[in-house]
C-alpha cells in the first residue's frame, strides 16, 4: 500500500483528501495542529475500515515536523505522496483584515506581521516539510509532492488591487515550489502546485463552484494520476491544464 501524508486534514479539503486517498488504498497520515481534532477526524474514516493514522503537526513547528518524520520513518520507511494542504487566509486570522487593502499597510502595522505569517504558513513551511521528508520520498517508486495553491496566486491574471496577504503568499508558494522542484528532480521527486478551484470550504464559502469531493476527485483524476517527472515544478489547474503564472 502507498503511504500518503496530508497536512491540515481534520476538516474541509484536507479531510476529503484523506477520505479519497484511503478509499484508493493508501495508508494515510492525517495531520492537524490539534491532535484531538486529528484523532476525531481519523476515527470517522477508520470506522469505514480505512487505514488512517492521526498525528499532530503544526507545519511551522520544526520539532513537530521532525517528530513526524521520525515516526513515519520507523513506521513505513517511505512516503509516496505529500499533500501540502495546510494554510490560512486573512479571514482565518484572529485580527486579520479580510482583504488587506493598501491603506491598511504600514511598516509598524499589524498587517506586516499578518502578511509575513501567511507567507510562512502558506509558502515556506510546505516546502520545508517536503524537504525534511526527502529521504522517505526518495524510497518511493513515484514520489509526489502536491502543494495546494490558488488562482489568486497567479500574477498574470490579477487585474485589481488589494489582497496583500493571501494572494502574495500563494504567489510565493509557486516560486518556492519551482525552485524546490529543480533541486530534487535528480532524485525523481515530482513537486507541483495545483489550483483546486473555488471550493466549498471555510475559506471558499458554501456558494463555491465545487464540493470538496468534486475538487479532490478532479485533481486525482486529472493531475496526480497523470503527472510525471517532466511536469515537476508546474502549476496545474483542477482540470489538468497548465495554470497561468
Protein backbone atom coordinates (compact mmCIF):
# COMPACT_ATOMS: atom_id res chain seq x y z
CA UNK A 1 0.00 0.00 0.00
CA UNK A 2 1.21 3.50 -0.83
CA UNK A 3 1.71 5.98 2.01
CA UNK A 4 0.22 9.49 1.90
CA UNK A 5 0.76 12.41 4.26
CA UNK A 6 -1.89 15.15 4.32
CA UNK A 7 -1.44 18.39 6.26
CA UNK A 8 -4.29 20.49 7.65
CA UNK A 9 -6.56 17.49 7.33
CA UNK A 10 -9.10 17.35 10.13
CA UNK A 11 -11.80 19.10 8.07
CA UNK A 12 -12.61 20.56 4.68
CA UNK A 13 -10.42 19.86 1.68
CA UNK A 14 -7.72 18.14 3.74
CA UNK A 15 -10.19 15.68 5.25
CA UNK A 16 -11.58 14.88 1.81
CA UNK A 17 -8.05 14.20 0.55
CA UNK A 18 -7.68 11.66 3.35
CA UNK A 19 -11.06 10.13 2.58
CA UNK A 20 -10.48 9.63 -1.13
CA UNK A 21 -6.86 8.54 -0.82
CA UNK A 22 -7.79 5.98 1.84
CA UNK A 23 -10.57 4.64 -0.37
CA UNK A 24 -7.99 4.28 -3.17
CA UNK A 25 -5.97 2.02 -0.87
CA UNK A 26 -3.44 4.46 0.58
CA UNK A 27 -2.36 4.32 4.18
CA UNK A 28 -2.99 7.93 5.16
CA UNK A 29 -1.32 10.07 7.80
CA UNK A 30 -3.95 12.64 8.77
CA UNK A 31 -2.41 15.65 10.49
CA UNK A 32 -3.69 18.69 12.34
CA UNK A 33 -2.26 21.26 14.74
CA UNK A 34 -4.62 19.92 17.41
CA UNK A 35 -4.07 16.20 17.91
CA UNK A 36 -7.55 15.67 19.38
CA UNK A 37 -9.08 17.04 16.18
CA UNK A 38 -6.84 14.74 14.15
CA UNK A 39 -7.93 11.74 16.22
CA UNK A 40 -11.62 12.56 15.87
CA UNK A 41 -11.29 13.01 12.11
CA UNK A 42 -9.34 9.77 11.69
CA UNK A 43 -11.93 7.83 13.69
CA UNK A 44 -14.61 8.78 11.17
CA UNK A 45 -12.56 7.19 8.41
CA UNK A 46 -11.29 4.20 10.34
CA UNK A 47 -14.91 3.30 11.11
CA UNK A 48 -15.16 2.57 7.36
CA UNK A 49 -12.30 0.05 7.62
CA UNK A 50 -9.86 2.53 6.11
CA UNK A 51 -6.27 2.89 7.29
CA UNK A 52 -5.75 6.38 8.69
CA UNK A 53 -3.21 7.50 11.30
CA UNK A 54 -3.88 10.73 13.23
CA UNK A 55 -0.81 12.81 14.07
CA UNK A 56 -0.09 16.26 15.44
CA UNK A 57 1.55 18.68 13.04
CA UNK A 58 1.95 22.43 13.09
CA UNK A 59 3.71 22.97 9.78
CA UNK A 60 5.63 25.95 11.19
CA UNK A 61 6.98 23.92 14.13
CA UNK A 62 10.25 22.18 13.24
CA UNK A 63 10.02 19.87 16.24
CA UNK A 64 6.57 18.67 15.10
CA UNK A 65 7.90 18.06 11.60
CA UNK A 66 10.95 16.15 12.85
CA UNK A 67 8.89 14.02 15.24
CA UNK A 68 6.52 13.13 12.42
CA UNK A 69 9.42 12.27 10.14
CA UNK A 70 10.98 10.01 12.77
CA UNK A 71 7.66 8.23 13.34
CA UNK A 72 6.97 7.77 9.61
CA UNK A 73 10.50 6.53 9.02
CA UNK A 74 10.15 3.88 11.72
CA UNK A 75 6.55 3.01 10.79
CA UNK A 76 6.76 2.87 6.99
CA UNK A 77 10.28 3.64 5.82
CA UNK A 78 8.97 5.72 2.92
CA UNK A 79 6.41 8.31 1.83
CA UNK A 80 4.81 8.18 -1.62
CA UNK A 81 2.62 11.27 -1.62
CA UNK A 82 2.55 14.52 0.34
CA UNK A 83 -0.50 16.78 0.10
CA UNK A 84 0.54 20.17 1.48
CA UNK A 85 -2.97 21.37 2.22
CA UNK A 86 -2.49 23.32 5.48
CA UNK A 87 -2.91 27.04 5.01
CA UNK A 88 -4.63 30.21 6.15
CA UNK A 89 -6.15 33.32 4.64
CA UNK A 90 -6.61 36.70 6.23
CA UNK A 91 -10.17 35.89 7.22
CA UNK A 92 -8.98 32.96 9.36
CA UNK A 93 -6.60 35.09 11.43
CA UNK A 94 -7.99 36.37 14.73
CA UNK A 95 -7.22 40.04 13.93
CA UNK A 96 -6.60 39.86 10.20
CA UNK A 97 -8.13 42.33 7.79
CA UNK A 98 -10.01 40.22 5.27
CA UNK A 99 -8.69 41.91 2.14
CA UNK A 100 -5.65 43.78 3.48
CA UNK A 101 -6.11 46.85 1.31
CA UNK A 102 -3.25 49.24 0.59
CA UNK A 103 -4.49 51.74 3.20
CA UNK A 104 -4.04 49.11 5.90
CA UNK A 105 -0.37 48.51 5.20
CA UNK A 106 2.38 50.24 7.16
CA UNK A 107 5.76 49.17 8.44
CA UNK A 108 4.58 49.06 12.05
CA UNK A 109 1.03 47.88 11.42
CA UNK A 110 -0.35 44.51 12.45
CA UNK A 111 -0.75 43.84 8.75
CA UNK A 112 3.01 43.42 8.36
CA UNK A 113 3.11 40.50 10.78
CA UNK A 114 -0.06 39.09 9.24
CA UNK A 115 1.47 39.05 5.77
CA UNK A 116 4.74 37.53 6.98
CA UNK A 117 2.89 34.89 8.98
CA UNK A 118 0.80 33.97 5.96
CA UNK A 119 3.86 33.64 3.74
CA UNK A 120 5.48 31.41 6.35
CA UNK A 121 2.47 29.08 6.65
CA UNK A 122 1.31 29.07 3.02
CA UNK A 123 4.59 29.22 1.10
CA UNK A 124 7.71 28.47 3.11
CA UNK A 125 6.59 25.77 5.55
CA UNK A 126 5.13 23.40 2.91
CA UNK A 127 8.43 23.25 1.04
CA UNK A 128 10.48 22.92 4.23
CA UNK A 129 8.27 20.00 5.24
CA UNK A 130 8.75 18.34 1.86
CA UNK A 131 12.48 18.88 2.17
CA UNK A 132 12.53 17.21 5.59
CA UNK A 133 10.75 14.20 4.12
CA UNK A 134 13.08 13.90 1.12
CA UNK A 135 14.86 10.78 2.48
CA UNK A 136 11.49 8.99 2.67
CA UNK A 137 10.26 10.33 -0.67
CA UNK A 138 13.41 9.02 -2.36
CA UNK A 139 12.43 5.50 -1.30
CA UNK A 140 9.16 5.67 -3.24
CA UNK A 141 8.78 4.36 -6.78
CA UNK A 142 6.96 7.56 -7.75
CA UNK A 143 7.24 10.26 -5.07
CA UNK A 144 4.91 13.22 -5.49
CA UNK A 145 4.58 16.45 -3.53
CA UNK A 146 1.34 18.32 -4.17
CA UNK A 147 1.15 21.90 -2.90
CA UNK A 148 -2.36 23.32 -2.73
CA UNK A 149 -2.19 26.72 -4.39
CA UNK A 150 -4.81 29.12 -5.68
CA UNK A 151 -5.77 31.02 -8.80
CA UNK A 152 -5.24 34.10 -6.63
CA UNK A 153 -1.52 33.33 -6.71
CA UNK A 154 -1.38 33.96 -10.45
CA UNK A 155 0.33 37.26 -11.22
CA UNK A 156 -0.59 37.37 -14.91
CA UNK A 157 -4.35 37.19 -14.34
CA UNK A 158 -4.54 39.70 -11.48
CA UNK A 159 -6.48 42.74 -12.69
CA UNK A 160 -7.29 44.53 -9.43
CA UNK A 161 -5.57 45.95 -6.36
CA UNK A 162 -5.79 44.68 -2.80
CA UNK A 163 -5.17 41.29 -1.25
CA UNK A 164 -1.66 41.95 0.04
CA UNK A 165 -1.68 38.76 2.08
CA UNK A 166 -3.17 35.54 0.78
CA UNK A 167 -2.51 36.22 -2.90
CA UNK A 168 1.11 37.15 -2.20
CA UNK A 169 1.62 34.01 -0.13
CA UNK A 170 0.29 31.80 -2.92
CA UNK A 171 2.49 33.52 -5.49
CA UNK A 172 5.43 32.86 -3.18
CA UNK A 173 4.41 29.20 -2.98
CA UNK A 174 4.64 28.98 -6.77
CA UNK A 175 8.23 30.20 -6.72
CA UNK A 176 9.21 28.11 -3.68
CA UNK A 177 7.90 25.03 -5.43
CA UNK A 178 9.56 25.90 -8.72
CA UNK A 179 12.96 26.17 -7.04
CA UNK A 180 12.43 23.06 -4.93
CA UNK A 181 11.34 21.03 -7.96
CA UNK A 182 14.58 21.78 -9.78
CA UNK A 183 16.62 20.97 -6.68
CA UNK A 184 15.08 17.50 -6.29
CA UNK A 185 14.39 16.48 -9.88
CA UNK A 186 17.58 14.38 -9.93
CA UNK A 187 16.06 12.36 -7.06
CA UNK A 188 12.99 11.61 -9.19
CA UNK A 189 10.75 13.60 -6.83
CA UNK A 190 7.80 15.30 -8.53
CA UNK A 191 6.72 18.56 -6.89
CA UNK A 192 3.82 20.60 -8.25
CA UNK A 193 1.34 23.33 -7.31
CA UNK A 194 -2.35 22.81 -8.02
CA UNK A 195 -5.34 25.12 -8.11
CA UNK A 196 -8.29 23.17 -6.64
CA UNK A 197 -10.80 25.67 -7.96
CA UNK A 198 -13.36 27.61 -5.97
CA UNK A 199 -14.29 25.02 -3.35
CA UNK A 200 -16.92 24.85 -0.62
CA UNK A 201 -14.73 25.17 2.47
CA UNK A 202 -14.45 27.64 5.34
CA UNK A 203 -12.29 29.77 3.04
CA UNK A 204 -14.33 29.34 -0.13
CA UNK A 205 -17.83 29.55 1.35
CA UNK A 206 -20.87 27.48 0.52
CA UNK A 207 -21.60 29.27 -2.78
CA UNK A 208 -18.37 27.98 -4.31
CA UNK A 209 -18.34 26.04 -7.58
CA UNK A 210 -17.05 22.70 -6.29
CA UNK A 211 -17.73 20.50 -3.31
CA UNK A 212 -14.62 19.17 -1.59
CA UNK A 213 -15.45 15.76 -3.08
CA UNK A 214 -15.50 17.19 -6.61
CA UNK A 215 -12.31 19.19 -6.08
CA UNK A 216 -10.24 16.26 -4.84
CA UNK A 217 -11.67 13.90 -7.45
CA UNK A 218 -10.76 16.39 -10.20
CA UNK A 219 -7.18 16.70 -9.01
CA UNK A 220 -6.70 12.97 -8.50
CA UNK A 221 -8.01 12.05 -11.94
CA UNK A 222 -6.72 14.99 -13.97
CA UNK A 223 -3.37 15.67 -12.33
CA UNK A 224 -1.99 13.28 -9.73
CA UNK A 225 -2.70 10.06 -11.60
CA UNK A 226 -1.19 11.51 -14.80
CA UNK A 227 1.72 13.65 -13.64
CA UNK A 228 5.30 12.63 -14.49
CA UNK A 229 8.77 13.82 -13.60
CA UNK A 230 8.73 16.08 -16.65
CA UNK A 231 5.86 18.00 -15.07
CA UNK A 232 7.72 18.78 -11.87
CA UNK A 233 7.70 22.47 -10.99
CA UNK A 234 4.49 23.21 -12.91
CA UNK A 235 1.30 24.95 -11.78
CA UNK A 236 -1.80 22.91 -12.70
CA UNK A 237 -5.48 23.73 -12.82
CA UNK A 238 -8.03 21.29 -11.41
CA UNK A 239 -8.84 20.09 -14.95
CA UNK A 240 -5.22 19.18 -15.67
CA UNK A 241 -4.47 22.22 -17.80
CA UNK A 242 -1.48 24.48 -17.17
CA UNK A 243 -2.45 27.38 -14.94
CA UNK A 244 -1.12 30.83 -15.92
CA UNK A 245 1.71 32.09 -13.70
